[in-house]
Amino acid sequence: MKFRVEVDCTPLEARQFVGLPNVEPMQAAVMAEIERRMLADMERFSPDTIMRSWFSLFPQNAEQMQSLFLKMFQQGFGGGTPPARNE
């Protein structure tokens, strides 16, 4: 024998029916705190701030670092002249 029961309710209604506590206020508070912390630390992870910290550690090697990045980007994107097309 098979029977099927279909219940149409919201998650909140299901939790209340089973007797589970409403965690929405706690979840909202936790998410607000996470957002606050992320926004407070966002400036620390900006590309400009990262580059300034790298160059402050090695100010005498700024040109060497710039040429290193240039070489990496050229190699990564296939640098040099584009290959000839066979049409």
C-alpha atoms as a PDB file:
ATOM      1  CA  MET A   1       0.000   0.000   0.000  1.00  0.00           C
ATOM      2  CA  LYS A   2       1.336   3.428  -0.903  1.00  0.00           C
ATOM      3  CA  PHE A   3      -0.005   6.801  -0.040  1.00  0.00           C
ATOM      4  CA  ARG A   4       1.368  10.234  -0.661  1.00  0.00           C
ATOM      5  CA  VAL A   5       0.926  13.359   1.432  1.00  0.00           C
ATOM      6  CA  GLU A   6       1.717  16.758  -0.037  1.00  0.00           C
ATOM      7  CA  VAL A   7       2.043  19.697   2.334  1.00  0.00           C
ATOM      8  CA  ASP A   8       2.039  23.239   1.022  1.00  0.00           C
ATOM      9  CA  CYS A   9       3.629  25.522   3.613  1.00  0.00           C
ATOM     10  CA  THR A  10       6.490  27.958   4.062  1.00  0.00           C
ATOM     11  CA  PRO A  11       9.719  26.937   5.812  1.00  0.00           C
ATOM     12  CA  LEU A  12       8.700  29.067   8.799  1.00  0.00           C
ATOM     13  CA  GLU A  13       5.352  27.288   9.039  1.00  0.00           C
ATOM     14  CA  ALA A  14       7.057  23.887   8.808  1.00  0.00           C
ATOM     15  CA  ARG A  15       9.499  24.794  11.605  1.00  0.00           C
ATOM     16  CA  GLN A  16       6.649  26.012  13.802  1.00  0.00           C
ATOM     17  CA  PHE A  17       4.639  22.844  13.143  1.00  0.00           C
ATOM     18  CA  VAL A  18       7.570  20.605  14.123  1.00  0.00           C
ATOM     19  CA  GLY A  19       8.375  22.805  17.123  1.00  0.00           C
ATOM     20  CA  LEU A  20      11.740  24.154  16.007  1.00  0.00           C
ATOM     21  CA  PRO A  21      12.758  27.649  17.113  1.00  0.00           C
ATOM     22  CA  ASN A  22      12.633  30.638  14.781  1.00  0.00           C
ATOM     23  CA  VAL A  23      16.285  31.386  13.924  1.00  0.00           C
ATOM     24  CA  GLU A  24      15.638  34.277  11.522  1.00  0.00           C
ATOM     25  CA  PRO A  25      16.551  37.067  14.031  1.00  0.00           C
ATOM     26  CA  MET A  26      19.830  35.318  14.921  1.00  0.00           C
ATOM     27  CA  GLN A  27      20.633  34.689  11.246  1.00  0.00           C
ATOM     28  CA  ALA A  28      19.959  38.348  10.390  1.00  0.00           C
ATOM     29  CA  ALA A  29      22.248  39.510  13.224  1.00  0.00           C
ATOM     30  CA  VAL A  30      25.061  37.175  12.144  1.00  0.00           C
ATOM     31  CA  MET A  31      24.779  38.237   8.502  1.00  0.00           C
ATOM     32  CA  ALA A  32      24.813  41.933   9.505  1.00  0.00           C
ATOM     33  CA  GLU A  33      28.004  41.386  11.534  1.00  0.00           C
ATOM     34  CA  ILE A  34      29.678  39.516   8.662  1.00  0.00           C
ATOM     35  CA  GLU A  35      28.764  42.333   6.268  1.00  0.00           C
ATOM     36  CA  ARG A  36      30.108  44.953   8.700  1.00  0.00           C
ATOM     37  CA  ARG A  37      33.434  43.128   9.043  1.00  0.00           C
ATOM     38  CA  MET A  38      33.804  42.606   5.304  1.00  0.00           C
ATOM     39  CA  LEU A  39      33.143  46.274   4.553  1.00  0.00           C
ATOM     40  CA  ALA A  40      35.591  47.366   7.269  1.00  0.00           C
ATOM     41  CA  ASP A  41      38.388  45.186   5.813  1.00  0.00           C
ATOM     42  CA  MET A  42      37.618  45.854   2.148  1.00  0.00           C
ATOM     43  CA  GLU A  43      40.160  48.678   1.858  1.00  0.00           C
ATOM     44  CA  ARG A  44      42.914  46.351   3.053  1.00  0.00           C
ATOM     45  CA  PHE A  45      42.373  44.042   0.083  1.00  0.00           C
ATOM     46  CA  SER A  46      42.146  46.625  -2.703  1.00  0.00           C
ATOM     47  CA  PRO A  47      44.727  46.203  -5.498  1.00  0.00           C
ATOM     48  CA  ASP A  48      46.092  49.691  -4.840  1.00  0.00           C
ATOM     49  CA  THR A  49      46.752  48.941  -1.161  1.00  0.00           C
ATOM     50  CA  ILE A  50      48.385  45.599  -1.954  1.00  0.00           C
ATOM     51  CA  MET A  51      50.715  47.174  -4.537  1.00  0.00           C
ATOM     52  CA  ARG A  52      51.668  49.974  -2.145  1.00  0.00           C
ATOM     53  CA  SER A  53      52.563  47.453   0.553  1.00  0.00           C
ATOM     54  CA  TRP A  54      54.692  45.457  -1.908  1.00  0.00           C
ATOM     55  CA  PHE A  55      56.537  48.558  -3.118  1.00  0.00           C
ATOM     56  CA  SER A  56      57.069  49.828   0.418  1.00  0.00           C
ATOM     57  CA  LEU A  57      58.888  46.587   1.230  1.00  0.00           C
ATOM     58  CA  PHE A  58      61.174  46.809  -1.809  1.00  0.00           C
ATOM     59  CA  PRO A  59      61.298  50.449  -2.996  1.00  0.00           C
ATOM     60  CA  GLN A  60      64.670  49.982  -4.722  1.00  0.00           C
ATOM     61  CA  ASN A  61      63.277  47.138  -6.834  1.00  0.00           C
ATOM     62  CA  ALA A  62      60.169  48.897  -8.149  1.00  0.00           C
ATOM     63  CA  GLU A  63      61.427  48.906 -11.739  1.00  0.00           C
ATOM     64  CA  GLN A  64      62.466  45.261 -11.513  1.00  0.00           C
ATOM     65  CA  MET A  65      59.050  44.306 -10.168  1.00  0.00           C
ATOM     66  CA  GLN A  66      57.336  46.282 -12.921  1.00  0.00           C
ATOM     67  CA  SER A  67      59.384  44.501 -15.601  1.00  0.00           C
ATOM     68  CA  LEU A  68      58.642  41.146 -13.937  1.00  0.00           C
ATOM     69  CA  PHE A  69      54.892  41.818 -14.060  1.00  0.00           C
ATOM     70  CA  LEU A  70      55.181  42.980 -17.666  1.00  0.00           C
ATOM     71  CA  LYS A  71      56.955  39.744 -18.643  1.00  0.00           C
ATOM     72  CA  MET A  72      54.385  37.621 -16.793  1.00  0.00           C
ATOM     73  CA  PHE A  73      51.476  39.334 -18.530  1.00  0.00           C
ATOM     74  CA  GLN A  74      53.115  39.091 -21.936  1.00  0.00           C
ATOM     75  CA  GLN A  75      53.792  35.378 -21.497  1.00  0.00           C
ATOM     76  CA  GLY A  76      50.341  34.770 -20.046  1.00  0.00           C
ATOM     77  CA  PHE A  77      48.571  36.498 -22.910  1.00  0.00           C
ATOM     78  CA  GLY A  78      50.857  35.200 -25.620  1.00  0.00           C
ATOM     79  CA  GLY A  79      52.854  38.502 -25.825  1.00  0.00           C
ATOM     80  CA  GLY A  80      54.878  39.601 -28.798  1.00  0.00           C
ATOM     81  CA  THR A  81      53.480  39.780 -32.307  1.00  0.00           C
ATOM     82  CA  PRO A  82      50.279  37.939 -33.135  1.00  0.00           C
ATOM     83  CA  PRO A  83      50.705  34.762 -35.230  1.00  0.00           C
ATOM     84  CA  ALA A  84      50.033  34.984 -38.955  1.00  0.00           C
ATOM     85  CA  ARG A  85      46.619  33.749 -40.047  1.00  0.00           C
ATOM     86  CA  ASN A  86      46.245  31.162 -42.764  1.00  0.00           C
ATOM     87  CA  GLU A  87      43.140  32.105 -44.693  1.00  0.00           C
END
